[in-house]
Amino acid sequence: MPAAKIDLSSLPEGQRDIIADLLREHANLLAANAVLKAEAVDLKQIVERLEHLVAELNHVVHGKKSEKLGDGICQRSCRLSLFSGCSLGRAGHGAA
């Protein structure tokens, strides 16, 4: 949506300064938003690549035909392995 053109000279001085400040802030926010959108695209690509690497790692560790666990079970197992010092890839899914 294009910004409406405002004739600042038709406004009282106090209001003119406030509107000019708001217009500058709006322009700055638009620029910051563009940067954040670009960063979001980059981060999405990184996440997709990491998901691919995790899938490859799971394939290497568990093989093609390993039992598939639901996301909740896998996440809990991973959390437990972080705290207990064990690894999902070892005998018995988490046994040290």
Protein backbone atom coordinates (compact mmCIF):
# COMPACT_ATOMS: atom_id res chain seq x y z
CA MET A 1 0.00 0.00 0.00
CA PRO A 2 1.66 3.23 -1.12
CA ALA A 3 2.10 5.97 1.44
CA ALA A 4 -0.21 8.93 1.05
CA LYS A 5 1.48 12.24 0.21
CA ILE A 6 1.07 14.73 3.00
CA ASP A 7 1.61 18.44 2.52
CA LEU A 8 3.47 19.20 5.73
CA SER A 9 3.48 22.93 5.04
CA SER A 10 -0.30 23.05 5.55
CA LEU A 11 0.00 21.76 9.11
CA PRO A 12 0.80 23.75 12.26
CA GLU A 13 4.49 23.57 13.17
CA GLY A 14 4.10 21.21 16.16
CA GLN A 15 2.01 18.77 14.17
CA ARG A 16 4.36 19.09 11.18
CA ASP A 17 7.32 17.95 13.28
CA ILE A 18 5.36 15.03 14.73
CA ILE A 19 4.16 13.88 11.29
CA ALA A 20 7.66 14.24 9.82
CA ASP A 21 9.06 12.11 12.66
CA LEU A 22 6.36 9.49 12.12
CA LEU A 23 7.07 9.38 8.38
CA ARG A 24 10.80 8.90 9.04
CA GLU A 25 10.06 6.17 11.57
CA HIS A 26 7.72 4.49 9.08
CA ALA A 27 10.42 4.51 6.40
CA ASN A 28 12.93 3.06 8.86
CA LEU A 29 10.49 0.32 9.87
CA LEU A 30 9.85 -0.57 6.22
CA ALA A 31 13.59 -0.90 5.64
CA ALA A 32 14.04 -3.01 8.79
CA ASN A 33 11.12 -5.20 7.74
CA ALA A 34 12.73 -5.85 4.35
CA VAL A 35 15.97 -6.90 6.07
CA LEU A 36 14.09 -9.23 8.44
CA LYS A 37 12.19 -10.82 5.55
CA ALA A 38 15.47 -11.53 3.77
CA GLU A 39 16.95 -13.00 6.95
CA ALA A 40 13.83 -15.18 7.39
CA VAL A 41 14.31 -16.59 3.89
CA ASP A 42 17.96 -17.35 4.65
CA LEU A 43 17.06 -19.00 7.97
CA LYS A 44 14.37 -21.10 6.31
CA GLN A 45 16.95 -22.40 3.83
CA ILE A 46 19.32 -23.21 6.70
CA VAL A 47 16.57 -25.09 8.56
CA GLU A 48 15.71 -27.08 5.42
CA ARG A 49 19.38 -28.01 4.97
CA LEU A 50 19.71 -29.01 8.63
CA GLU A 51 16.57 -31.15 8.40
CA HIS A 52 18.08 -32.88 5.37
CA LEU A 53 21.34 -33.49 7.24
CA VAL A 54 19.47 -34.91 10.24
CA ALA A 55 17.59 -37.27 7.90
CA GLU A 56 20.89 -38.38 6.37
CA LEU A 57 22.40 -38.87 9.82
CA ASN A 58 19.41 -40.91 10.96
CA HIS A 59 19.75 -43.04 7.85
CA VAL A 60 23.44 -43.65 8.56
CA VAL A 61 22.89 -44.39 12.26
CA HIS A 62 19.68 -46.42 12.04
CA GLY A 63 19.54 -47.65 8.44
CA LYS A 64 16.73 -47.43 5.94
CA LYS A 65 14.32 -49.86 7.56
CA SER A 66 14.68 -48.87 11.19
CA GLU A 67 11.59 -48.47 13.29
CA LYS A 68 10.10 -45.02 12.84
CA LEU A 69 9.30 -43.19 16.05
CA GLY A 70 6.80 -40.38 16.31
CA ASP A 71 8.13 -36.82 16.62
CA GLY A 72 7.16 -36.61 20.30
CA ILE A 73 9.00 -39.80 21.21
CA CYS A 74 12.07 -38.78 19.23
CA GLN A 75 12.17 -35.32 20.81
CA ARG A 76 11.82 -36.75 24.33
CA SER A 77 14.53 -39.31 23.62
CA CYS A 78 16.85 -36.62 22.30
CA ARG A 79 16.20 -34.45 25.36
CA LEU A 80 16.87 -37.37 27.68
CA SER A 81 20.07 -38.23 25.84
CA LEU A 82 21.33 -34.67 26.30
CA PHE A 83 20.87 -34.85 30.06
CA SER A 84 21.93 -38.44 30.66
CA GLY A 85 25.01 -38.35 28.44
CA CYS A 86 23.78 -41.26 26.34
CA SER A 87 23.18 -41.37 22.61
CA LEU A 88 20.22 -42.56 20.56
CA GLY A 89 22.60 -44.27 18.17
CA ARG A 90 23.97 -46.68 20.78
CA ALA A 91 22.58 -50.07 21.67
CA GLY A 92 19.01 -49.98 22.99
CA HIS A 93 18.17 -46.41 21.97
CA GLY A 94 19.79 -44.51 24.78
CA ALA A 95 21.55 -47.14 26.80
CA ALA A 96 25.10 -46.08 27.59
